[in-house]
């Protein structure tokens, strides 16, 4: 079991954790970024980046439908949304965003990155899978995950979360969105 001492330990290598690490670095302090999951940020993997791709597709369809307001004639019966192609682009771009984020995180100095699950063992001390980390300050930037109410869990495969929606082969014709977090609002 090793010991790492640092000014600031940041738990979570997502968007917030990476930003916190940059700010600590700018302040000239030592820092350690701790991540237990895959690199690539939640935002890129199942958050605002893929949801904004869906928004862009919807906005484009809406503009085409309203093209006659600008003197552009498009026959309504000729507008077709290829729901499979929409989701293919979302997945392709999402995977590209995740890869870029993962590569950028892996490019950080190895001595500033620690892989493993962090747990507090004292006010300023962590255990990361057997490695002790002592820090003057600890930033918790672990992101979030969808929570499914028990009443909805019986829907089984019909229930999607932001963790599963973007892996669909084809965009559903319609869906109900529960949740008023940022991603829920964007998807709605």
Protein backbone atom coordinates (compact mmCIF):
# COMPACT_ATOMS: atom_id res chain seq x y z
CA UNK A 1 0.00 0.00 0.00
CA UNK A 2 1.53 3.29 -1.19
CA UNK A 3 1.00 6.83 0.00
CA UNK A 4 0.43 9.87 -2.22
CA UNK A 5 0.40 13.36 -0.74
CA UNK A 6 -1.03 16.25 -2.73
CA UNK A 7 -2.58 19.66 -2.26
CA UNK A 8 -5.87 18.72 -3.94
CA UNK A 9 -7.34 15.32 -4.74
CA UNK A 10 -10.15 15.38 -7.28
CA UNK A 11 -12.49 12.39 -7.29
CA UNK A 12 -13.98 12.03 -10.77
CA UNK A 13 -12.40 12.60 -14.17
CA UNK A 14 -15.51 13.93 -15.87
CA UNK A 15 -16.10 17.49 -17.04
CA UNK A 16 -16.23 18.97 -13.51
CA UNK A 17 -13.25 16.97 -12.27
CA UNK A 18 -11.12 17.90 -15.25
CA UNK A 19 -12.03 21.57 -14.83
CA UNK A 20 -11.25 21.43 -11.10
CA UNK A 21 -7.86 19.85 -11.89
CA UNK A 22 -7.09 22.61 -14.42
CA UNK A 23 -7.96 25.31 -11.87
CA UNK A 24 -5.75 23.71 -9.21
CA UNK A 25 -2.93 23.43 -11.73
CA UNK A 26 -3.36 27.13 -12.70
CA UNK A 27 -3.10 28.02 -9.02
CA UNK A 28 0.27 26.26 -8.92
CA UNK A 29 -0.84 23.58 -6.49
CA UNK A 30 -0.21 19.85 -6.71
CA UNK A 31 -3.18 17.73 -7.77
CA UNK A 32 -4.30 14.17 -8.26
CA UNK A 33 -7.22 13.11 -10.45
CA UNK A 34 -8.93 9.90 -9.30
CA UNK A 35 -11.31 7.92 -11.53
CA UNK A 36 -12.90 4.50 -11.00
CA UNK A 37 -14.70 4.23 -14.32
CA UNK A 38 -13.78 4.69 -17.94
CA UNK A 39 -12.35 7.97 -19.10
CA UNK A 40 -14.44 9.94 -21.54
CA UNK A 41 -16.76 12.09 -19.36
CA UNK A 42 -20.40 11.51 -18.62
CA UNK A 43 -21.26 14.62 -20.65
CA UNK A 44 -19.78 13.05 -23.78
CA UNK A 45 -20.96 9.50 -23.10
CA UNK A 46 -24.61 9.93 -22.08
CA UNK A 47 -25.23 13.57 -21.35
CA UNK A 48 -25.31 16.92 -23.03
CA UNK A 49 -23.25 16.08 -26.10
CA UNK A 50 -25.41 13.26 -27.52
CA UNK A 51 -28.61 14.99 -26.39
CA UNK A 52 -27.59 18.12 -28.31
CA UNK A 53 -27.08 15.96 -31.41
CA UNK A 54 -30.72 14.85 -31.10
CA UNK A 55 -31.78 18.47 -30.62
CA UNK A 56 -29.86 19.44 -33.78
CA UNK A 57 -31.66 16.73 -35.78
CA UNK A 58 -35.05 17.87 -34.45
CA UNK A 59 -34.25 21.53 -35.15
CA UNK A 60 -33.23 20.68 -38.72
CA UNK A 61 -36.48 18.77 -39.32
CA UNK A 62 -38.47 21.69 -37.89
CA UNK A 63 -36.67 24.19 -40.14
CA UNK A 64 -37.32 22.05 -43.22
CA UNK A 65 -41.02 21.85 -42.33
CA UNK A 66 -41.15 25.64 -42.02
CA UNK A 67 -39.07 26.32 -45.16
CA UNK A 68 -42.08 27.74 -47.04
CA UNK A 69 -41.97 30.75 -44.69
CA UNK A 70 -38.74 31.65 -46.49
CA UNK A 71 -39.99 30.92 -49.99
CA UNK A 72 -38.42 27.46 -50.12
CA UNK A 73 -40.93 24.89 -51.24
CA UNK A 74 -40.64 21.41 -49.80
CA UNK A 75 -43.47 18.96 -50.35
CA UNK A 76 -44.68 17.75 -46.92
CA UNK A 77 -45.03 14.20 -48.21
CA UNK A 78 -41.36 14.20 -49.25
CA UNK A 79 -40.00 14.96 -45.78
CA UNK A 80 -38.87 11.72 -44.21
CA UNK A 81 -36.88 11.35 -41.02
CA UNK A 82 -34.61 8.32 -41.14
CA UNK A 83 -34.72 7.49 -37.44
CA UNK A 84 -32.02 4.85 -37.85
CA UNK A 85 -29.66 7.34 -39.54
CA UNK A 86 -30.32 9.90 -36.79
CA UNK A 87 -29.26 7.45 -34.09
CA UNK A 88 -26.31 6.21 -36.13
CA UNK A 89 -24.98 9.76 -36.29
CA UNK A 90 -25.64 10.31 -32.57
CA UNK A 91 -23.70 7.14 -31.66
CA UNK A 92 -20.87 7.86 -34.10
CA UNK A 93 -20.38 11.44 -32.89
CA UNK A 94 -20.85 10.45 -29.24
CA UNK A 95 -18.14 7.80 -29.59
CA UNK A 96 -15.86 10.38 -31.20
CA UNK A 97 -16.46 12.85 -28.34
CA UNK A 98 -15.79 10.11 -25.76
CA UNK A 99 -12.56 9.08 -27.51
CA UNK A 100 -11.29 12.67 -27.65
CA UNK A 101 -12.07 13.19 -23.96
CA UNK A 102 -10.48 9.87 -22.99
CA UNK A 103 -7.34 10.63 -25.02
CA UNK A 104 -7.04 14.09 -23.44
CA UNK A 105 -7.39 12.61 -19.95
CA UNK A 106 -4.84 9.89 -20.67
CA UNK A 107 -2.45 12.60 -21.92
CA UNK A 108 -2.34 14.13 -18.44
CA UNK A 109 0.85 13.27 -16.55
CA UNK A 110 0.68 9.72 -15.15
CA UNK A 111 1.72 10.96 -11.70
CA UNK A 112 -1.44 13.10 -11.63
CA UNK A 113 -3.83 10.26 -12.45
CA UNK A 114 -4.93 7.40 -10.22
CA UNK A 115 -7.36 4.68 -11.29
CA UNK A 116 -9.56 3.16 -8.62
CA UNK A 117 -12.52 3.58 -6.30
CA UNK A 118 -11.97 6.29 -3.67
CA UNK A 119 -13.39 6.15 -0.17
CA UNK A 120 -12.82 8.48 2.72
CA UNK A 121 -10.82 7.09 5.65
CA UNK A 122 -10.37 10.47 7.32
CA UNK A 123 -11.28 14.13 6.81
CA UNK A 124 -8.40 14.65 4.37
CA UNK A 125 -7.49 11.08 3.57
CA UNK A 126 -8.71 8.62 0.98
CA UNK A 127 -8.15 4.96 0.29
CA UNK A 128 -8.08 4.29 -3.46
CA UNK A 129 -8.06 0.52 -3.83
CA UNK A 130 -5.23 0.15 -1.32
CA UNK A 131 -3.34 3.37 -2.07
CA UNK A 132 -3.58 6.07 0.61
CA UNK A 133 -4.08 9.62 -0.61
CA UNK A 134 -3.56 12.53 1.80
CA UNK A 135 -4.74 15.92 0.52
CA UNK A 136 -5.18 19.38 1.94
CA UNK A 137 -8.49 19.55 0.04
CA UNK A 138 -10.67 16.98 -1.69
CA UNK A 139 -13.05 17.82 -4.53
CA UNK A 140 -15.90 15.39 -5.15
CA UNK A 141 -16.85 15.61 -8.83
CA UNK A 142 -18.35 12.20 -9.42
CA UNK A 143 -21.15 13.18 -11.78
CA UNK A 144 -24.56 11.59 -11.66
CA UNK A 145 -26.49 8.60 -12.85
CA UNK A 146 -30.16 8.06 -13.63
CA UNK A 147 -32.39 6.84 -10.84
CA UNK A 148 -35.39 4.73 -11.80
CA UNK A 149 -38.35 4.87 -9.41
CA UNK A 150 -39.53 1.42 -8.35
CA UNK A 151 -42.92 2.04 -9.97
CA UNK A 152 -41.28 2.47 -13.38
CA UNK A 153 -38.77 -0.37 -13.10
CA UNK A 154 -41.44 -2.91 -14.01
CA UNK A 155 -41.42 -1.49 -17.56
CA UNK A 156 -38.27 -3.54 -18.18
CA UNK A 157 -36.67 -3.01 -21.59
CA UNK A 158 -39.31 -0.43 -22.53
CA UNK A 159 -37.75 1.92 -19.97
CA UNK A 160 -34.75 3.86 -21.21
CA UNK A 161 -32.40 6.10 -19.30
CA UNK A 162 -29.80 8.52 -20.57
CA UNK A 163 -27.36 5.61 -20.11
CA UNK A 164 -29.25 3.43 -22.61
CA UNK A 165 -31.13 5.84 -24.91
CA UNK A 166 -28.15 6.80 -27.03
CA UNK A 167 -27.36 3.16 -27.80
CA UNK A 168 -30.69 2.61 -29.57
CA UNK A 169 -30.43 1.47 -33.17
CA UNK A 170 -33.42 3.59 -34.17
CA UNK A 171 -34.93 6.71 -32.66
CA UNK A 172 -38.42 5.91 -31.37
CA UNK A 173 -41.27 7.72 -33.07
CA UNK A 174 -42.29 9.09 -29.67
CA UNK A 175 -41.42 8.72 -26.01
CA UNK A 176 -42.28 10.11 -22.61
CA UNK A 177 -39.46 11.76 -20.68
CA UNK A 178 -39.44 11.74 -16.89
CA UNK A 179 -37.05 13.90 -14.93
CA UNK A 180 -36.27 17.58 -14.91
CA UNK A 181 -32.51 17.41 -14.82
CA UNK A 182 -30.56 19.07 -17.60
CA UNK A 183 -30.57 15.98 -19.83
CA UNK A 184 -34.24 15.22 -19.17
CA UNK A 185 -35.15 18.77 -20.16
CA UNK A 186 -33.05 18.58 -23.33
CA UNK A 187 -34.53 15.23 -24.32
CA UNK A 188 -38.04 16.52 -23.69
